[in-house]
Amino acid sequence: MYIISIVIEERTKEAVRVQEVLTKFGNNIISRLGLHNPEPNENDIIIVAYNNKSTIEDFRKELEEIKNIRVNIMEA
């Protein structure tokens, strides 16, 4: 199981692309939580995902291809 944090620094510009990646890897997502961020136009997402490490790394790579995104992954 993996815990993935995603910070979208320019939500209005990048939200659609982020959603496309989340949909693509949706079968791997167990839970998803959007968090309020007091910074204007910034959004935080916490995801609990399950699959092999290779698939999770593919997920990370696709997210990191999007500008203004920070991704951190912790294996639980």
N, C-alpha and C. Protein backbone atom coordinates (compact mmCIF):
# COMPACT_ATOMS: atom_id res chain seq x y z
N MET A 1 0.85 -1.16 0.00
CA MET A 1 0.00 0.00 0.00
C MET A 1 0.90 1.23 0.00
N TYR A 2 0.43 2.27 -0.66
CA TYR A 2 1.19 3.51 -0.78
C TYR A 2 0.33 4.69 -0.40
N ILE A 3 0.95 5.67 0.25
CA ILE A 3 0.30 6.94 0.55
C ILE A 3 0.98 7.97 -0.35
N ILE A 4 0.18 8.66 -1.14
CA ILE A 4 0.71 9.61 -2.12
C ILE A 4 0.16 10.99 -1.79
N SER A 5 1.06 11.96 -1.66
CA SER A 5 0.61 13.35 -1.48
C SER A 5 0.90 14.11 -2.77
N ILE A 6 -0.07 14.89 -3.16
CA ILE A 6 0.04 15.69 -4.38
C ILE A 6 -0.28 17.13 -4.00
N VAL A 7 0.61 18.05 -4.36
CA VAL A 7 0.35 19.47 -4.17
C VAL A 7 0.28 20.08 -5.57
N ILE A 8 -0.87 20.67 -5.86
CA ILE A 8 -1.08 21.34 -7.14
C ILE A 8 -0.94 22.84 -6.88
N GLU A 9 0.13 23.44 -7.38
CA GLU A 9 0.41 24.83 -7.07
C GLU A 9 -0.43 25.82 -7.88
N GLU A 10 -0.88 25.43 -9.04
CA GLU A 10 -1.76 26.30 -9.84
C GLU A 10 -2.98 25.49 -10.24
N ARG A 11 -3.88 25.33 -9.28
CA ARG A 11 -5.03 24.46 -9.44
C ARG A 11 -5.87 24.79 -10.66
N THR A 12 -6.12 26.04 -10.91
CA THR A 12 -6.99 26.40 -12.03
C THR A 12 -6.38 26.03 -13.38
N LYS A 13 -5.07 26.00 -13.48
CA LYS A 13 -4.41 25.65 -14.73
C LYS A 13 -4.23 24.14 -14.89
N GLU A 14 -4.02 23.43 -13.79
CA GLU A 14 -3.58 22.04 -13.86
C GLU A 14 -4.63 21.01 -13.43
N ALA A 15 -5.75 21.44 -12.89
CA ALA A 15 -6.72 20.50 -12.31
C ALA A 15 -7.23 19.48 -13.31
N VAL A 16 -7.50 19.89 -14.53
CA VAL A 16 -8.05 18.96 -15.53
C VAL A 16 -7.04 17.86 -15.84
N ARG A 17 -5.80 18.22 -16.04
CA ARG A 17 -4.76 17.23 -16.35
C ARG A 17 -4.54 16.28 -15.17
N VAL A 18 -4.53 16.81 -13.95
CA VAL A 18 -4.38 15.96 -12.77
C VAL A 18 -5.54 14.98 -12.70
N GLN A 19 -6.75 15.45 -12.93
CA GLN A 19 -7.92 14.57 -12.88
C GLN A 19 -7.81 13.47 -13.93
N GLU A 20 -7.28 13.78 -15.12
CA GLU A 20 -7.11 12.76 -16.16
C GLU A 20 -6.17 11.65 -15.69
N VAL A 21 -5.08 12.02 -15.03
CA VAL A 21 -4.13 11.02 -14.53
C VAL A 21 -4.77 10.21 -13.41
N LEU A 22 -5.49 10.88 -12.51
CA LEU A 22 -6.16 10.16 -11.42
C LEU A 22 -7.19 9.18 -11.97
N THR A 23 -7.89 9.57 -13.01
CA THR A 23 -8.86 8.66 -13.63
C THR A 23 -8.16 7.48 -14.28
N LYS A 24 -7.06 7.73 -14.96
CA LYS A 24 -6.30 6.66 -15.63
C LYS A 24 -5.86 5.60 -14.62
N PHE A 25 -5.42 6.03 -13.44
CA PHE A 25 -4.93 5.11 -12.42
C PHE A 25 -5.99 4.83 -11.35
N GLY A 26 -7.24 5.13 -11.65
CA GLY A 26 -8.33 5.01 -10.69
C GLY A 26 -8.50 3.63 -10.09
N ASN A 27 -8.19 2.58 -10.85
CA ASN A 27 -8.33 1.22 -10.30
C ASN A 27 -7.33 0.94 -9.20
N ASN A 28 -6.28 1.75 -9.09
CA ASN A 28 -5.27 1.57 -8.06
C ASN A 28 -5.56 2.39 -6.80
N ILE A 29 -6.52 3.30 -6.89
CA ILE A 29 -6.80 4.22 -5.78
C ILE A 29 -7.83 3.60 -4.84
N ILE A 30 -7.44 3.45 -3.59
CA ILE A 30 -8.34 2.93 -2.56
C ILE A 30 -9.14 4.09 -1.96
N SER A 31 -8.47 5.20 -1.71
CA SER A 31 -9.11 6.35 -1.09
C SER A 31 -8.44 7.62 -1.58
N ARG A 32 -9.22 8.68 -1.65
CA ARG A 32 -8.71 9.98 -2.11
C ARG A 32 -9.32 11.06 -1.23
N LEU A 33 -8.47 11.98 -0.77
CA LEU A 33 -8.93 13.04 0.13
C LEU A 33 -8.36 14.37 -0.35
N GLY A 34 -9.24 15.30 -0.66
CA GLY A 34 -8.80 16.66 -0.99
C GLY A 34 -8.72 17.48 0.28
N LEU A 35 -7.64 18.21 0.46
CA LEU A 35 -7.44 18.99 1.68
C LEU A 35 -7.49 20.48 1.37
N HIS A 36 -8.09 21.23 2.27
CA HIS A 36 -8.12 22.68 2.12
C HIS A 36 -6.71 23.22 2.32
N ASN A 37 -6.29 24.09 1.45
CA ASN A 37 -4.99 24.74 1.57
C ASN A 37 -5.26 26.24 1.62
N PRO A 38 -4.75 26.94 2.63
CA PRO A 38 -5.02 28.37 2.75
C PRO A 38 -4.36 29.20 1.66
N GLU A 39 -3.39 28.64 0.95
CA GLU A 39 -2.76 29.38 -0.15
C GLU A 39 -3.75 29.52 -1.30
N PRO A 40 -3.89 30.71 -1.86
CA PRO A 40 -4.81 30.87 -2.99
C PRO A 40 -4.35 30.04 -4.19
N ASN A 41 -5.29 29.41 -4.84
CA ASN A 41 -5.06 28.64 -6.07
C ASN A 41 -4.16 27.44 -5.86
N GLU A 42 -4.07 26.93 -4.64
CA GLU A 42 -3.28 25.73 -4.38
C GLU A 42 -4.20 24.66 -3.81
N ASN A 43 -3.94 23.42 -4.16
CA ASN A 43 -4.78 22.31 -3.72
C ASN A 43 -3.90 21.15 -3.29
N ASP A 44 -4.28 20.45 -2.25
CA ASP A 44 -3.55 19.29 -1.77
C ASP A 44 -4.46 18.07 -1.84
N ILE A 45 -3.89 16.95 -2.26
CA ILE A 45 -4.63 15.70 -2.35
C ILE A 45 -3.81 14.61 -1.67
N ILE A 46 -4.47 13.79 -0.87
CA ILE A 46 -3.85 12.61 -0.28
C ILE A 46 -4.54 11.40 -0.89
N ILE A 47 -3.75 10.44 -1.37
CA ILE A 47 -4.29 9.24 -1.99
C ILE A 47 -3.70 8.02 -1.31
N VAL A 48 -4.53 7.03 -1.06
CA VAL A 48 -4.07 5.72 -0.63
C VAL A 48 -4.25 4.82 -1.85
N ALA A 49 -3.15 4.21 -2.29
CA ALA A 49 -3.18 3.40 -3.51
C ALA A 49 -2.57 2.03 -3.25
N TYR A 50 -2.97 1.07 -4.07
CA TYR A 50 -2.46 -0.28 -3.94
C TYR A 50 -2.14 -0.84 -5.32
N ASN A 51 -0.95 -1.31 -5.50
CA ASN A 51 -0.51 -2.03 -6.70
C ASN A 51 0.97 -2.31 -6.54
N ASN A 52 1.60 -2.82 -7.59
CA ASN A 52 3.03 -3.08 -7.50
C ASN A 52 3.80 -1.77 -7.63
N LYS A 53 5.03 -1.79 -7.20
CA LYS A 53 5.85 -0.58 -7.16
C LYS A 53 6.01 0.04 -8.55
N SER A 54 6.12 -0.79 -9.57
CA SER A 54 6.29 -0.29 -10.93
C SER A 54 5.09 0.55 -11.37
N THR A 55 3.89 0.09 -11.09
CA THR A 55 2.68 0.83 -11.46
C THR A 55 2.60 2.14 -10.70
N ILE A 56 2.94 2.11 -9.43
CA ILE A 56 2.91 3.34 -8.62
C ILE A 56 3.95 4.33 -9.14
N GLU A 57 5.10 3.85 -9.56
CA GLU A 57 6.11 4.75 -10.14
C GLU A 57 5.63 5.35 -11.46
N ASP A 58 4.91 4.56 -12.26
CA ASP A 58 4.31 5.10 -13.49
C ASP A 58 3.32 6.20 -13.15
N PHE A 59 2.53 5.98 -12.12
CA PHE A 59 1.57 6.96 -11.64
C PHE A 59 2.30 8.25 -11.26
N ARG A 60 3.37 8.11 -10.49
CA ARG A 60 4.17 9.27 -10.08
C ARG A 60 4.73 10.01 -11.29
N LYS A 61 5.31 9.29 -12.23
CA LYS A 61 5.92 9.92 -13.41
C LYS A 61 4.90 10.73 -14.20
N GLU A 62 3.71 10.18 -14.37
CA GLU A 62 2.69 10.92 -15.13
C GLU A 62 2.26 12.18 -14.39
N LEU A 63 2.14 12.09 -13.07
CA LEU A 63 1.80 13.29 -12.31
C LEU A 63 2.91 14.33 -12.39
N GLU A 64 4.16 13.89 -12.29
CA GLU A 64 5.28 14.83 -12.29
C GLU A 64 5.52 15.47 -13.66
N GLU A 65 4.94 14.91 -14.71
CA GLU A 65 5.04 15.54 -16.03
C GLU A 65 4.20 16.81 -16.11
N ILE A 66 3.27 16.96 -15.18
CA ILE A 66 2.41 18.14 -15.14
C ILE A 66 3.17 19.26 -14.44
N LYS A 67 3.14 20.45 -15.01
CA LYS A 67 3.81 21.59 -14.40
C LYS A 67 3.14 21.95 -13.08
N ASN A 68 3.91 22.49 -12.18
CA ASN A 68 3.42 23.02 -10.90
C ASN A 68 2.81 21.95 -10.00
N ILE A 69 3.39 20.73 -10.06
CA ILE A 69 2.92 19.62 -9.23
C ILE A 69 4.09 19.10 -8.40
N ARG A 70 3.83 18.84 -7.12
CA ARG A 70 4.81 18.14 -6.27
C ARG A 70 4.17 16.85 -5.81
N VAL A 71 4.93 15.76 -5.91
CA VAL A 71 4.41 14.44 -5.54
C VAL A 71 5.38 13.79 -4.56
N ASN A 72 4.84 13.21 -3.49
CA ASN A 72 5.63 12.42 -2.54
C ASN A 72 4.91 11.10 -2.33
N ILE A 73 5.71 10.04 -2.24
CA ILE A 73 5.12 8.71 -2.04
C ILE A 73 5.79 8.04 -0.84
N MET A 74 4.95 7.44 -0.01
CA MET A 74 5.44 6.68 1.12
C MET A 74 4.86 5.27 1.02
N GLU A 75 5.70 4.27 1.15
CA GLU A 75 5.22 2.89 1.14
C GLU A 75 4.82 2.52 2.56
N ALA A 76 3.61 2.02 2.72
CA ALA A 76 3.12 1.66 4.05
C ALA A 76 3.14 0.17 4.24
